């Protein structure tokens, strides 16, 4: 498996679909701080996957995270869901998938999938039982 640092656009798609409870769970009070938490997790994962090949020096990492600024994405929930799938895949190395933030985002992925399916016309038409 390989890993890479996702682009800001990927994080923006995910955070654009966060609601108040997500910010509480992540212990942040705005979208930029939420995005920075995601970015830190992703960078940690990439560094754990490639311990001998630091993509960013400590100074570059600090600047990269500091320079992240949330930009609202008007993408659909389906596109946000796919961005979250990509993000989780790129952020599961080493101990990262055992962290609370990863587990929370993984549960978010499942709730978004349920929300997407629940709105499908085919689901509405399907018989119960």
C-alpha atoms as a PDB file:
ATOM      1  CA  UNK A   1       0.000   0.000   0.000  1.00  0.00           C
ATOM      2  CA  UNK A   2       1.175   3.529  -0.668  1.00  0.00           C
ATOM      3  CA  UNK A   3       0.300   6.800   1.026  1.00  0.00           C
ATOM      4  CA  UNK A   4       0.488  10.462   0.116  1.00  0.00           C
ATOM      5  CA  UNK A   5      -0.412  13.834   1.550  1.00  0.00           C
ATOM      6  CA  UNK A   6      -3.826  14.753   0.194  1.00  0.00           C
ATOM      7  CA  UNK A   7      -4.549  18.144  -1.308  1.00  0.00           C
ATOM      8  CA  UNK A   8      -6.356  20.928   0.483  1.00  0.00           C
ATOM      9  CA  UNK A   9      -9.302  20.416  -1.879  1.00  0.00           C
ATOM     10  CA  UNK A  10      -9.845  16.908  -0.498  1.00  0.00           C
ATOM     11  CA  UNK A  11      -9.913  18.200   3.067  1.00  0.00           C
ATOM     12  CA  UNK A  12     -12.170  21.104   2.061  1.00  0.00           C
ATOM     13  CA  UNK A  13     -14.741  18.708   0.570  1.00  0.00           C
ATOM     14  CA  UNK A  14     -14.843  16.719   3.803  1.00  0.00           C
ATOM     15  CA  UNK A  15     -14.999  19.667   6.190  1.00  0.00           C
ATOM     16  CA  UNK A  16     -17.646  21.405   4.048  1.00  0.00           C
ATOM     17  CA  UNK A  17     -20.080  18.688   5.084  1.00  0.00           C
ATOM     18  CA  UNK A  18     -19.289  18.792   8.799  1.00  0.00           C
ATOM     19  CA  UNK A  19     -22.013  19.829  11.222  1.00  0.00           C
ATOM     20  CA  UNK A  20     -21.776  21.258  14.756  1.00  0.00           C
ATOM     21  CA  UNK A  21     -21.370  17.838  16.390  1.00  0.00           C
ATOM     22  CA  UNK A  22     -18.318  17.134  14.230  1.00  0.00           C
ATOM     23  CA  UNK A  23     -16.545  20.232  15.499  1.00  0.00           C
ATOM     24  CA  UNK A  24     -17.369  19.268  19.081  1.00  0.00           C
ATOM     25  CA  UNK A  25     -16.031  15.742  18.528  1.00  0.00           C
ATOM     26  CA  UNK A  26     -12.824  17.097  16.998  1.00  0.00           C
ATOM     27  CA  UNK A  27     -12.535  19.688  19.790  1.00  0.00           C
ATOM     28  CA  UNK A  28     -12.282  22.622  17.396  1.00  0.00           C
ATOM     29  CA  UNK A  29     -14.489  25.624  16.786  1.00  0.00           C
ATOM     30  CA  UNK A  30     -14.018  26.335  13.096  1.00  0.00           C
ATOM     31  CA  UNK A  31     -13.449  24.734   9.714  1.00  0.00           C
ATOM     32  CA  UNK A  32      -9.796  25.756   9.330  1.00  0.00           C
ATOM     33  CA  UNK A  33      -8.860  24.164  12.669  1.00  0.00           C
ATOM     34  CA  UNK A  34     -10.754  21.004  11.712  1.00  0.00           C
ATOM     35  CA  UNK A  35      -8.942  20.871   8.380  1.00  0.00           C
ATOM     36  CA  UNK A  36      -5.591  21.324  10.100  1.00  0.00           C
ATOM     37  CA  UNK A  37      -6.333  18.374  12.381  1.00  0.00           C
ATOM     38  CA  UNK A  38      -7.094  16.239   9.347  1.00  0.00           C
ATOM     39  CA  UNK A  39      -3.951  17.418   7.585  1.00  0.00           C
ATOM     40  CA  UNK A  40      -1.801  16.605  10.634  1.00  0.00           C
ATOM     41  CA  UNK A  41      -3.241  13.089  10.760  1.00  0.00           C
ATOM     42  CA  UNK A  42      -2.575  12.590   7.054  1.00  0.00           C
ATOM     43  CA  UNK A  43       1.022  13.841   7.335  1.00  0.00           C
ATOM     44  CA  UNK A  44       1.642  11.616  10.379  1.00  0.00           C
ATOM     45  CA  UNK A  45       0.365   8.621   8.446  1.00  0.00           C
ATOM     46  CA  UNK A  46       2.524   9.367   5.413  1.00  0.00           C
ATOM     47  CA  UNK A  47       5.600   9.806   7.602  1.00  0.00           C
ATOM     48  CA  UNK A  48       4.893   6.534   9.384  1.00  0.00           C
ATOM     49  CA  UNK A  49       4.510   4.772   6.048  1.00  0.00           C
ATOM     50  CA  UNK A  50       7.807   6.187   4.776  1.00  0.00           C
ATOM     51  CA  UNK A  51       9.935   6.803   7.906  1.00  0.00           C
ATOM     52  CA  UNK A  52      13.174   7.228   5.928  1.00  0.00           C
ATOM     53  CA  UNK A  53      11.719   9.609   3.357  1.00  0.00           C
ATOM     54  CA  UNK A  54      10.470  12.728   5.119  1.00  0.00           C
ATOM     55  CA  UNK A  55       8.334  14.578   2.623  1.00  0.00           C
ATOM     56  CA  UNK A  56       8.401  17.665   4.812  1.00  0.00           C
ATOM     57  CA  UNK A  57      10.996  18.902   7.263  1.00  0.00           C
ATOM     58  CA  UNK A  58       9.608  19.802  10.690  1.00  0.00           C
ATOM     59  CA  UNK A  59       9.658  23.472   9.659  1.00  0.00           C
ATOM     60  CA  UNK A  60       7.949  22.750   6.320  1.00  0.00           C
ATOM     61  CA  UNK A  61       5.329  20.663   8.068  1.00  0.00           C
ATOM     62  CA  UNK A  62       4.582  23.428  10.540  1.00  0.00           C
ATOM     63  CA  UNK A  63       4.242  25.933   7.685  1.00  0.00           C
ATOM     64  CA  UNK A  64       2.126  23.554   5.566  1.00  0.00           C
ATOM     65  CA  UNK A  65      -0.353  23.052   8.395  1.00  0.00           C
ATOM     66  CA  UNK A  66      -0.290  26.715   9.416  1.00  0.00           C
ATOM     67  CA  UNK A  67      -0.938  27.807   5.819  1.00  0.00           C
ATOM     68  CA  UNK A  68      -3.976  25.557   5.408  1.00  0.00           C
ATOM     69  CA  UNK A  69      -7.054  27.739   5.201  1.00  0.00           C
ATOM     70  CA  UNK A  70     -10.486  26.252   4.699  1.00  0.00           C
ATOM     71  CA  UNK A  71     -12.304  27.087   1.464  1.00  0.00           C
ATOM     72  CA  UNK A  72     -15.930  25.974   1.311  1.00  0.00           C
ATOM     73  CA  UNK A  73     -16.650  23.385  -1.362  1.00  0.00           C
ATOM     74  CA  UNK A  74     -20.123  23.170  -2.855  1.00  0.00           C
ATOM     75  CA  UNK A  75     -19.618  19.496  -3.661  1.00  0.00           C
ATOM     76  CA  UNK A  76     -22.337  16.932  -3.131  1.00  0.00           C
ATOM     77  CA  UNK A  77     -22.333  14.603  -0.154  1.00  0.00           C
ATOM     78  CA  UNK A  78     -21.367  11.767  -2.506  1.00  0.00           C
ATOM     79  CA  UNK A  79     -18.231  13.642  -3.586  1.00  0.00           C
ATOM     80  CA  UNK A  80     -17.442  14.478   0.044  1.00  0.00           C
ATOM     81  CA  UNK A  81     -17.918  10.811   0.933  1.00  0.00           C
ATOM     82  CA  UNK A  82     -15.471   9.740  -1.761  1.00  0.00           C
ATOM     83  CA  UNK A  83     -12.985  12.395  -0.586  1.00  0.00           C
ATOM     84  CA  UNK A  84     -13.328  10.996   2.945  1.00  0.00           C
ATOM     85  CA  UNK A  85     -12.710   7.459   1.673  1.00  0.00           C
ATOM     86  CA  UNK A  86      -9.545   8.664  -0.068  1.00  0.00           C
ATOM     87  CA  UNK A  87      -8.460  10.591   3.013  1.00  0.00           C
ATOM     88  CA  UNK A  88      -8.932   7.603   5.326  1.00  0.00           C
ATOM     89  CA  UNK A  89      -7.040   5.323   2.933  1.00  0.00           C
ATOM     90  CA  UNK A  90      -4.138   7.781   2.859  1.00  0.00           C
ATOM     91  CA  UNK A  91      -4.225   8.259   6.633  1.00  0.00           C
ATOM     92  CA  UNK A  92      -4.312   4.725   8.059  1.00  0.00           C
ATOM     93  CA  UNK A  93      -0.609   3.950   8.390  1.00  0.00           C
ATOM     94  CA  UNK A  94       1.213   3.164  11.617  1.00  0.00           C
ATOM     95  CA  UNK A  95      -0.750   4.044  14.721  1.00  0.00           C
ATOM     96  CA  UNK A  96      -2.941   6.573  12.904  1.00  0.00           C
ATOM     97  CA  UNK A  97      -5.918   4.268  12.455  1.00  0.00           C
ATOM     98  CA  UNK A  98      -5.972   3.692  16.212  1.00  0.00           C
ATOM     99  CA  UNK A  99      -6.343   7.406  16.982  1.00  0.00           C
ATOM    100  CA  UNK A 100      -9.655   8.875  18.095  1.00  0.00           C
ATOM    101  CA  UNK A 101      -9.792  11.258  15.143  1.00  0.00           C
ATOM    102  CA  UNK A 102      -9.360   8.412  12.642  1.00  0.00           C
ATOM    103  CA  UNK A 103     -12.011   6.314  14.369  1.00  0.00           C
ATOM    104  CA  UNK A 104     -14.360   9.282  14.433  1.00  0.00           C
ATOM    105  CA  UNK A 105     -13.850   9.987  10.722  1.00  0.00           C
ATOM    106  CA  UNK A 106     -14.339   6.313   9.952  1.00  0.00           C
ATOM    107  CA  UNK A 107     -17.689   6.371  11.746  1.00  0.00           C
ATOM    108  CA  UNK A 108     -18.513   9.572   9.846  1.00  0.00           C
ATOM    109  CA  UNK A 109     -17.846   7.696   6.612  1.00  0.00           C
ATOM    110  CA  UNK A 110     -20.407   5.074   7.606  1.00  0.00           C
ATOM    111  CA  UNK A 111     -23.027   7.635   8.609  1.00  0.00           C
ATOM    112  CA  UNK A 112     -22.571   9.486   5.303  1.00  0.00           C
ATOM    113  CA  UNK A 113     -22.984   6.205   3.401  1.00  0.00           C
ATOM    114  CA  UNK A 114     -26.230   5.561   5.266  1.00  0.00           C
ATOM    115  CA  UNK A 115     -27.418   9.100   4.545  1.00  0.00           C
ATOM    116  CA  UNK A 116     -26.629   8.724   0.840  1.00  0.00           C
ATOM    117  CA  UNK A 117     -28.389   5.369   0.481  1.00  0.00           C
ATOM    118  CA  UNK A 118     -31.369   6.523   2.531  1.00  0.00           C
ATOM    119  CA  UNK A 119     -32.059   9.268  -0.034  1.00  0.00           C
ATOM    120  CA  UNK A 120     -31.877   7.034  -3.114  1.00  0.00           C
ATOM    121  CA  UNK A 121     -35.156   6.563  -4.982  1.00  0.00           C
ATOM    122  CA  UNK A 122     -34.472   2.836  -5.276  1.00  0.00           C
ATOM    123  CA  UNK A 123     -34.162   2.590  -1.507  1.00  0.00           C
ATOM    124  CA  UNK A 124     -37.442   4.442  -1.060  1.00  0.00           C
ATOM    125  CA  UNK A 125     -39.178   2.036  -3.434  1.00  0.00           C
ATOM    126  CA  UNK A 126     -37.735  -1.102  -1.840  1.00  0.00           C
ATOM    127  CA  UNK A 127     -40.116  -3.078   0.340  1.00  0.00           C
ATOM    128  CA  UNK A 128     -39.561  -3.192   4.079  1.00  0.00           C
ATOM    129  CA  UNK A 129     -38.945  -6.666   5.462  1.00  0.00           C
END
